[in-house]
């Protein structure tokens, strides 16, 4: 995948072989981003490389959501966690 090497954007294909999104490296080179449909996901590059080299079995993946979506969760009455005391 050329995007992990910083060679620009790469297509993301689904199981059927059709292009379903794109992937690219962050400007800092520390994050790996991809879009699938209208959703944006990110993961640390180091962990992706460790998975590809079989040193790790998985990497954390985070979904980027807008502030509007965050506000929707709060307005739905989903409990927010209390701050942890140190």
PDB file of N, CA and C in Angstrom:
ATOM      1  N   UNK A   1       0.854  -1.172   0.000  1.00  0.00           N
ATOM      2  CA  UNK A   1       0.000   0.000   0.000  1.00  0.00           C
ATOM      3  C   UNK A   1       0.902   1.238   0.000  1.00  0.00           C
ATOM      4  N   UNK A   2       0.870   1.968  -1.078  1.00  0.00           N
ATOM      5  CA  UNK A   2       1.711   3.137  -1.247  1.00  0.00           C
ATOM      6  C   UNK A   2       1.448   4.265  -0.276  1.00  0.00           C
ATOM      7  N   UNK A   3       0.233   4.362   0.227  1.00  0.00           N
ATOM      8  CA  UNK A   3      -0.087   5.459   1.151  1.00  0.00           C
ATOM      9  C   UNK A   3       0.692   5.336   2.467  1.00  0.00           C
ATOM     10  N   UNK A   4       0.999   4.124   2.908  1.00  0.00           N
ATOM     11  CA  UNK A   4       1.795   3.949   4.131  1.00  0.00           C
ATOM     12  C   UNK A   4       3.235   4.410   3.937  1.00  0.00           C
ATOM     13  N   UNK A   5       3.689   4.426   2.706  1.00  0.00           N
ATOM     14  CA  UNK A   5       5.040   4.888   2.408  1.00  0.00           C
ATOM     15  C   UNK A   5       5.072   6.383   2.127  1.00  0.00           C
ATOM     16  N   UNK A   6       3.909   7.028   2.193  1.00  0.00           N
ATOM     17  CA  UNK A   6       3.837   8.463   1.924  1.00  0.00           C
ATOM     18  C   UNK A   6       3.787   8.784   0.446  1.00  0.00           C
ATOM     19  N   UNK A   7       3.348   7.834  -0.354  1.00  0.00           N
ATOM     20  CA  UNK A   7       3.303   8.023  -1.805  1.00  0.00           C
ATOM     21  C   UNK A   7       1.966   8.568  -2.304  1.00  0.00           C
ATOM     22  N   UNK A   8       1.187   9.137  -1.413  1.00  0.00           N
ATOM     23  CA  UNK A   8      -0.095   9.717  -1.811  1.00  0.00           C
ATOM     24  C   UNK A   8      -1.271   8.859  -1.407  1.00  0.00           C
ATOM     25  N   UNK A   9      -2.409   9.222  -1.936  1.00  0.00           N
ATOM     26  CA  UNK A   9      -3.666   8.554  -1.596  1.00  0.00           C
ATOM     27  C   UNK A   9      -3.782   7.229  -2.339  1.00  0.00           C
ATOM     28  N   UNK A  10      -4.336   6.230  -1.661  1.00  0.00           N
ATOM     29  CA  UNK A  10      -4.560   4.912  -2.259  1.00  0.00           C
ATOM     30  C   UNK A  10      -6.027   4.550  -2.148  1.00  0.00           C
ATOM     31  N   UNK A  11      -6.550   3.807  -3.116  1.00  0.00           N
ATOM     32  CA  UNK A  11      -7.948   3.381  -3.015  1.00  0.00           C
ATOM     33  C   UNK A  11      -8.124   2.289  -1.969  1.00  0.00           C
ATOM     34  N   UNK A  12      -9.290   2.276  -1.330  1.00  0.00           N
ATOM     35  CA  UNK A  12      -9.675   1.212  -0.402  1.00  0.00           C
ATOM     36  C   UNK A  12     -10.727   0.394  -1.128  1.00  0.00           C
ATOM     37  N   UNK A  13     -10.481  -0.907  -1.252  1.00  0.00           N
ATOM     38  CA  UNK A  13     -11.426  -1.764  -1.961  1.00  0.00           C
ATOM     39  C   UNK A  13     -12.137  -2.691  -0.984  1.00  0.00           C
ATOM     40  N   UNK A  14     -13.369  -2.996  -1.311  1.00  0.00           N
ATOM     41  CA  UNK A  14     -14.163  -3.905  -0.495  1.00  0.00           C
ATOM     42  C   UNK A  14     -13.940  -5.341  -0.914  1.00  0.00           C
ATOM     43  N   UNK A  15     -14.622  -6.277  -0.252  1.00  0.00           N
ATOM     44  CA  UNK A  15     -14.464  -7.702  -0.580  1.00  0.00           C
ATOM     45  C   UNK A  15     -14.860  -8.028  -2.020  1.00  0.00           C
ATOM     46  N   UNK A  16     -15.727  -7.191  -2.590  1.00  0.00           N
ATOM     47  CA  UNK A  16     -16.163  -7.420  -3.968  1.00  0.00           C
ATOM     48  C   UNK A  16     -15.193  -6.838  -4.990  1.00  0.00           C
ATOM     49  N   UNK A  17     -14.121  -6.180  -4.520  1.00  0.00           N
ATOM     50  CA  UNK A  17     -13.130  -5.596  -5.423  1.00  0.00           C
ATOM     51  C   UNK A  17     -13.447  -4.179  -5.868  1.00  0.00           C
ATOM     52  N   UNK A  18     -14.617  -3.666  -5.493  1.00  0.00           N
ATOM     53  CA  UNK A  18     -14.987  -2.304  -5.876  1.00  0.00           C
ATOM     54  C   UNK A  18     -14.366  -1.297  -4.911  1.00  0.00           C
ATOM     55  N   UNK A  19     -14.018  -0.127  -5.425  1.00  0.00           N
ATOM     56  CA  UNK A  19     -13.452   0.928  -4.589  1.00  0.00           C
ATOM     57  C   UNK A  19     -14.539   1.486  -3.677  1.00  0.00           C
ATOM     58  N   UNK A  20     -14.262   1.480  -2.367  1.00  0.00           N
ATOM     59  CA  UNK A  20     -15.258   1.969  -1.416  1.00  0.00           C
ATOM     60  C   UNK A  20     -14.763   3.181  -0.627  1.00  0.00           C
ATOM     61  N   UNK A  21     -13.523   3.607  -0.876  1.00  0.00           N
ATOM     62  CA  UNK A  21     -12.983   4.762  -0.170  1.00  0.00           C
ATOM     63  C   UNK A  21     -11.546   5.022  -0.562  1.00  0.00           C
ATOM     64  N   UNK A  22     -10.841   5.758   0.309  1.00  0.00           N
ATOM     65  CA  UNK A  22      -9.436   6.063   0.042  1.00  0.00           C
ATOM     66  C   UNK A  22      -8.661   6.093   1.355  1.00  0.00           C
ATOM     67  N   UNK A  23      -7.341   5.961   1.256  1.00  0.00           N
ATOM     68  CA  UNK A  23      -6.476   5.965   2.432  1.00  0.00           C
ATOM     69  C   UNK A  23      -5.287   6.869   2.171  1.00  0.00           C
ATOM     70  N   UNK A  24      -4.792   7.523   3.252  1.00  0.00           N
ATOM     71  CA  UNK A  24      -3.638   8.404   3.113  1.00  0.00           C
ATOM     72  C   UNK A  24      -2.926   8.541   4.439  1.00  0.00           C
ATOM     73  N   UNK A  25      -1.692   8.992   4.377  1.00  0.00           N
ATOM     74  CA  UNK A  25      -0.849   9.222   5.536  1.00  0.00           C
ATOM     75  C   UNK A  25      -1.044  10.655   6.006  1.00  0.00           C
ATOM     76  N   UNK A  26      -1.020  10.884   7.319  1.00  0.00           N
ATOM     77  CA  UNK A  26      -1.156  12.247   7.839  1.00  0.00           C
ATOM     78  C   UNK A  26       0.087  13.060   7.474  1.00  0.00           C
ATOM     79  N   UNK A  27      -0.025  14.373   7.579  1.00  0.00           N
ATOM     80  CA  UNK A  27       1.106  15.241   7.260  1.00  0.00           C
ATOM     81  C   UNK A  27       2.309  14.947   8.149  1.00  0.00           C
ATOM     82  N   UNK A  28       2.061  14.610   9.415  1.00  0.00           N
ATOM     83  CA  UNK A  28       3.161  14.322  10.342  1.00  0.00           C
ATOM     84  C   UNK A  28       3.774  12.943  10.085  1.00  0.00           C
ATOM     85  N   UNK A  29       3.046  12.087   9.387  1.00  0.00           N
ATOM     86  CA  UNK A  29       3.520  10.732   9.140  1.00  0.00           C
ATOM     87  C   UNK A  29       3.240   9.768  10.272  1.00  0.00           C
ATOM     88  N   UNK A  30       2.539  10.243  11.306  1.00  0.00           N
ATOM     89  CA  UNK A  30       2.259   9.396  12.466  1.00  0.00           C
ATOM     90  C   UNK A  30       0.874   8.764  12.429  1.00  0.00           C
ATOM     91  N   UNK A  31      -0.011   9.304  11.616  1.00  0.00           N
ATOM     92  CA  UNK A  31      -1.377   8.802  11.546  1.00  0.00           C
ATOM     93  C   UNK A  31      -1.699   8.272  10.165  1.00  0.00           C
ATOM     94  N   UNK A  32      -2.538   7.268  10.118  1.00  0.00           N
ATOM     95  CA  UNK A  32      -2.997   6.680   8.866  1.00  0.00           C
ATOM     96  C   UNK A  32      -4.506   6.864   8.825  1.00  0.00           C
ATOM     97  N   UNK A  33      -5.010   7.516   7.803  1.00  0.00           N
ATOM     98  CA  UNK A  33      -6.430   7.828   7.683  1.00  0.00           C
ATOM     99  C   UNK A  33      -7.045   7.086   6.505  1.00  0.00           C
ATOM    100  N   UNK A  34      -8.324   6.770   6.638  1.00  0.00           N
ATOM    101  CA  UNK A  34      -9.051   6.224   5.495  1.00  0.00           C
ATOM    102  C   UNK A  34     -10.516   6.623   5.586  1.00  0.00           C
ATOM    103  N   UNK A  35     -11.101   6.769   4.422  1.00  0.00           N
ATOM    104  CA  UNK A  35     -12.534   7.026   4.339  1.00  0.00           C
ATOM    105  C   UNK A  35     -13.185   5.793   3.742  1.00  0.00           C
ATOM    106  N   UNK A  36     -14.313   5.443   4.290  1.00  0.00           N
ATOM    107  CA  UNK A  36     -15.144   4.378   3.735  1.00  0.00           C
ATOM    108  C   UNK A  36     -16.549   4.943   3.753  1.00  0.00           C
ATOM    109  N   UNK A  37     -17.094   5.153   2.570  1.00  0.00           N
ATOM    110  CA  UNK A  37     -18.374   5.838   2.472  1.00  0.00           C
ATOM    111  C   UNK A  37     -18.203   7.258   2.961  1.00  0.00           C
ATOM    112  N   UNK A  38     -19.025   7.685   3.896  1.00  0.00           N
ATOM    113  CA  UNK A  38     -18.937   9.046   4.425  1.00  0.00           C
ATOM    114  C   UNK A  38     -18.224   9.094   5.779  1.00  0.00           C
ATOM    115  N   UNK A  39     -17.636   7.996   6.199  1.00  0.00           N
ATOM    116  CA  UNK A  39     -16.976   7.941   7.509  1.00  0.00           C
ATOM    117  C   UNK A  39     -15.454   8.026   7.360  1.00  0.00           C
ATOM    118  N   UNK A  40     -14.809   8.677   8.341  1.00  0.00           N
ATOM    119  CA  UNK A  40     -13.351   8.823   8.347  1.00  0.00           C
ATOM    120  C   UNK A  40     -12.795   8.092   9.562  1.00  0.00           C
ATOM    121  N   UNK A  41     -11.797   7.246   9.334  1.00  0.00           N
ATOM    122  CA  UNK A  41     -11.168   6.472  10.389  1.00  0.00           C
ATOM    123  C   UNK A  41      -9.678   6.804  10.455  1.00  0.00           C
ATOM    124  N   UNK A  42      -9.087   6.642  11.653  1.00  0.00           N
ATOM    125  CA  UNK A  42      -7.648   6.850  11.792  1.00  0.00           C
ATOM    126  C   UNK A  42      -7.055   5.788  12.702  1.00  0.00           C
ATOM    127  N   UNK A  43      -5.765   5.561  12.535  1.00  0.00           N
ATOM    128  CA  UNK A  43      -5.021   4.615  13.351  1.00  0.00           C
ATOM    129  C   UNK A  43      -3.556   5.029  13.351  1.00  0.00           C
ATOM    130  N   UNK A  44      -2.806   4.725  14.394  1.00  0.00           N
ATOM    131  CA  UNK A  44      -1.385   5.067  14.415  1.00  0.00           C
ATOM    132  C   UNK A  44      -0.595   4.244  13.384  1.00  0.00           C
ATOM    133  N   UNK A  45       0.261   4.907  12.632  1.00  0.00           N
ATOM    134  CA  UNK A  45       1.049   4.246  11.593  1.00  0.00           C
ATOM    135  C   UNK A  45       1.924   3.138  12.176  1.00  0.00           C
ATOM    136  N   UNK A  46       2.565   3.415  13.319  1.00  0.00           N
ATOM    137  CA  UNK A  46       3.456   2.414  13.918  1.00  0.00           C
ATOM    138  C   UNK A  46       2.732   1.100  14.181  1.00  0.00           C
ATOM    139  N   UNK A  47       1.491   1.175  14.656  1.00  0.00           N
ATOM    140  CA  UNK A  47       0.749  -0.055  14.944  1.00  0.00           C
ATOM    141  C   UNK A  47       0.379  -0.785  13.659  1.00  0.00           C
ATOM    142  N   UNK A  48       0.036  -0.038  12.611  1.00  0.00           N
ATOM    143  CA  UNK A  48      -0.289  -0.677  11.330  1.00  0.00           C
ATOM    144  C   UNK A  48       0.944  -1.426  10.816  1.00  0.00           C
ATOM    145  N   UNK A  49       2.105  -0.785  10.913  1.00  0.00           N
ATOM    146  CA  UNK A  49       3.342  -1.436  10.463  1.00  0.00           C
ATOM    147  C   UNK A  49       3.643  -2.679  11.287  1.00  0.00           C
ATOM    148  N   UNK A  50       3.357  -2.634  12.601  1.00  0.00           N
ATOM    149  CA  UNK A  50       3.576  -3.798  13.453  1.00  0.00           C
ATOM    150  C   UNK A  50       2.633  -4.945  13.100  1.00  0.00           C
ATOM    151  N   UNK A  51       1.405  -4.608  12.725  1.00  0.00           N
ATOM    152  CA  UNK A  51       0.447  -5.637  12.291  1.00  0.00           C
ATOM    153  C   UNK A  51       0.926  -6.250  10.980  1.00  0.00           C
ATOM    154  N   UNK A  52       1.372  -5.415  10.060  1.00  0.00           N
ATOM    155  CA  UNK A  52       1.848  -5.925   8.769  1.00  0.00           C
ATOM    156  C   UNK A  52       3.097  -6.792   8.919  1.00  0.00           C
ATOM    157  N   UNK A  53       3.915  -6.497   9.926  1.00  0.00           N
ATOM    158  CA  UNK A  53       5.117  -7.304  10.158  1.00  0.00           C
ATOM    159  C   UNK A  53       4.845  -8.480  11.103  1.00  0.00           C
ATOM    160  N   UNK A  54       3.595  -8.621  11.512  1.00  0.00           N
ATOM    161  CA  UNK A  54       3.119  -9.715  12.374  1.00  0.00           C
ATOM    162  C   UNK A  54       3.652  -9.649  13.804  1.00  0.00           C
ATOM    163  N   UNK A  55       4.091  -8.455  14.238  1.00  0.00           N
ATOM    164  CA  UNK A  55       4.520  -8.288  15.626  1.00  0.00           C
ATOM    165  C   UNK A  55       3.308  -8.052  16.532  1.00  0.00           C
ATOM    166  N   UNK A  56       2.230  -7.521  15.969  1.00  0.00           N
ATOM    167  CA  UNK A  56       0.967  -7.332  16.684  1.00  0.00           C
ATOM    168  C   UNK A  56      -0.147  -7.943  15.845  1.00  0.00           C
ATOM    169  N   UNK A  57      -1.214  -8.329  16.515  1.00  0.00           N
ATOM    170  CA  UNK A  57      -2.353  -8.920  15.805  1.00  0.00           C
ATOM    171  C   UNK A  57      -3.401  -7.898  15.418  1.00  0.00           C
ATOM    172  N   UNK A  58      -3.385  -6.723  16.086  1.00  0.00           N
ATOM    173  CA  UNK A  58      -4.406  -5.722  15.807  1.00  0.00           C
ATOM    174  C   UNK A  58      -3.884  -4.331  16.126  1.00  0.00           C
ATOM    175  N   UNK A  59      -4.601  -3.340  15.609  1.00  0.00           N
ATOM    176  CA  UNK A  59      -4.275  -1.937  15.854  1.00  0.00           C
ATOM    177  C   UNK A  59      -5.566  -1.210  16.214  1.00  0.00           C
ATOM    178  N   UNK A  60      -5.479  -0.193  17.068  1.00  0.00           N
ATOM    179  CA  UNK A  60      -6.699   0.559  17.404  1.00  0.00           C
ATOM    180  C   UNK A  60      -7.146   1.395  16.208  1.00  0.00           C
ATOM    181  N   UNK A  61      -8.442   1.459  16.018  1.00  0.00           N
ATOM    182  CA  UNK A  61      -9.013   2.266  14.935  1.00  0.00           C
ATOM    183  C   UNK A  61     -10.029   3.210  15.560  1.00  0.00           C
ATOM    184  N   UNK A  62      -9.903   4.481  15.212  1.00  0.00           N
ATOM    185  CA  UNK A  62     -10.782   5.511  15.760  1.00  0.00           C
ATOM    186  C   UNK A  62     -11.620   6.109  14.644  1.00  0.00           C
ATOM    187  N   UNK A  63     -12.884   6.351  14.932  1.00  0.00           N
ATOM    188  CA  UNK A  63     -13.758   7.013  13.957  1.00  0.00           C
ATOM    189  C   UNK A  63     -13.814   8.493  14.278  1.00  0.00           C
ATOM    190  N   UNK A  64     -13.578   9.307  13.269  1.00  0.00           N
ATOM    191  CA  UNK A  64     -13.657  10.757  13.452  1.00  0.00           C
ATOM    192  C   UNK A  64     -15.118  11.171  13.304  1.00  0.00           C
ATOM    193  N   UNK A  65     -15.641  11.829  14.336  1.00  0.00           N
ATOM    194  CA  UNK A  65     -17.010  12.330  14.253  1.00  0.00           C
ATOM    195  C   UNK A  65     -16.985  13.836  14.471  1.00  0.00           C
ATOM    196  N   UNK A  66     -17.962  14.494  13.922  1.00  0.00           N
ATOM    197  CA  UNK A  66     -18.037  15.949  14.031  1.00  0.00           C
ATOM    198  C   UNK A  66     -18.552  16.356  15.409  1.00  0.00           C
ATOM    199  N   UNK A  67     -18.314  17.599  15.763  1.00  0.00           N
ATOM    200  CA  UNK A  67     -18.812  18.111  17.038  1.00  0.00           C
ATOM    201  C   UNK A  67     -20.333  18.035  17.093  1.00  0.00           C
ATOM    202  N   UNK A  68     -20.985  18.189  15.960  1.00  0.00           N
ATOM    203  CA  UNK A  68     -22.449  18.105  15.919  1.00  0.00           C
ATOM    204  C   UNK A  68     -22.894  16.720  16.358  1.00  0.00           C
ATOM    205  N   UNK A  69     -22.186  15.684  15.885  1.00  0.00           N
ATOM    206  CA  UNK A  69     -22.537  14.328  16.276  1.00  0.00           C
ATOM    207  C   UNK A  69     -22.285  14.114  17.765  1.00  0.00           C
ATOM    208  N   UNK A  70     -21.222  14.698  18.310  1.00  0.00           N
ATOM    209  CA  UNK A  70     -20.947  14.600  19.749  1.00  0.00           C
ATOM    210  C   UNK A  70     -22.101  15.199  20.540  1.00  0.00           C
ATOM    211  N   UNK A  71     -22.576  16.342  20.094  1.00  0.00           N
ATOM    212  CA  UNK A  71     -23.684  17.008  20.779  1.00  0.00           C
ATOM    213  C   UNK A  71     -24.946  16.162  20.725  1.00  0.00           C
ATOM    214  N   UNK A  72     -25.137  15.419  19.631  1.00  0.00           N
ATOM    215  CA  UNK A  72     -26.305  14.550  19.523  1.00  0.00           C
ATOM    216  C   UNK A  72     -26.255  13.456  20.581  1.00  0.00           C
ATOM    217  N   UNK A  73     -25.068  12.882  20.826  1.00  0.00           N
ATOM    218  CA  UNK A  73     -24.937  11.857  21.853  1.00  0.00           C
ATOM    219  C   UNK A  73     -25.294  12.414  23.219  1.00  0.00           C
ATOM    220  N   UNK A  74     -24.823  13.603  23.525  1.00  0.00           N
ATOM    221  CA  UNK A  74     -25.103  14.233  24.816  1.00  0.00           C
ATOM    222  C   UNK A  74     -26.597  14.511  24.935  1.00  0.00           C
ATOM    223  N   UNK A  75     -27.207  15.007  23.855  1.00  0.00           N
ATOM    224  CA  UNK A  75     -28.622  15.349  23.921  1.00  0.00           C
ATOM    225  C   UNK A  75     -29.506  14.113  24.027  1.00  0.00           C
ATOM    226  N   UNK A  76     -28.987  12.935  23.660  1.00  0.00           N
ATOM    227  CA  UNK A  76     -29.775  11.707  23.771  1.00  0.00           C
ATOM    228  C   UNK A  76     -29.759  11.149  25.185  1.00  0.00           C
ATOM    229  N   UNK A  77     -29.046  11.816  26.073  1.00  0.00           N
ATOM    230  CA  UNK A  77     -29.040  11.379  27.458  1.00  0.00           C
ATOM    231  C   UNK A  77     -28.051  10.276  27.746  1.00  0.00           C
ATOM    232  N   UNK A  78     -27.075  10.069  26.875  1.00  0.00           N
ATOM    233  CA  UNK A  78     -26.057   9.066  27.135  1.00  0.00           C
ATOM    234  C   UNK A  78     -25.165   9.589  28.244  1.00  0.00           C
ATOM    235  N   UNK A  79     -24.986   8.825  29.308  1.00  0.00           N
ATOM    236  CA  UNK A  79     -24.212   9.322  30.444  1.00  0.00           C
ATOM    237  C   UNK A  79     -22.754   9.580  30.057  1.00  0.00           C
ATOM    238  N   UNK A  80     -22.244  10.708  30.504  1.00  0.00           N
ATOM    239  CA  UNK A  80     -20.855  11.054  30.268  1.00  0.00           C
ATOM    240  C   UNK A  80     -20.041  10.557  31.464  1.00  0.00           C
ATOM    241  N   UNK A  81     -18.864   9.968  31.239  1.00  0.00           N
ATOM    242  CA  UNK A  81     -18.073   9.466  32.363  1.00  0.00           C
ATOM    243  C   UNK A  81     -17.565  10.601  33.237  1.00  0.00           C
ATOM    244  N   UNK A  82     -17.474  10.346  34.552  1.00  0.00           N
ATOM    245  CA  UNK A  82     -16.895  11.320  35.464  1.00  0.00           C
ATOM    246  C   UNK A  82     -15.399  11.362  35.254  1.00  0.00           C
ATOM    247  N   UNK A  83     -14.803  12.473  35.603  1.00  0.00           N
ATOM    248  CA  UNK A  83     -13.354  12.584  35.499  1.00  0.00           C
ATOM    249  C   UNK A  83     -12.726  11.695  36.558  1.00  0.00           C
ATOM    250  N   UNK A  84     -11.652  11.052  36.166  1.00  0.00           N
ATOM    251  CA  UNK A  84     -10.948  10.212  37.123  1.00  0.00           C
ATOM    252  C   UNK A  84     -10.067  11.083  38.012  1.00  0.00           C
ATOM    253  N   UNK A  85     -10.061  10.781  39.266  1.00  0.00           N
ATOM    254  CA  UNK A  85      -9.225  11.509  40.200  1.00  0.00           C
ATOM    255  C   UNK A  85      -7.873  10.821  40.292  1.00  0.00           C
ATOM    256  N   UNK A  86      -6.808  11.625  40.355  1.00  0.00           N
ATOM    257  CA  UNK A  86      -5.481  11.003  40.447  1.00  0.00           C
ATOM    258  C   UNK A  86      -4.948  11.010  41.850  1.00  0.00           C
TER     259      UNK A  86
END
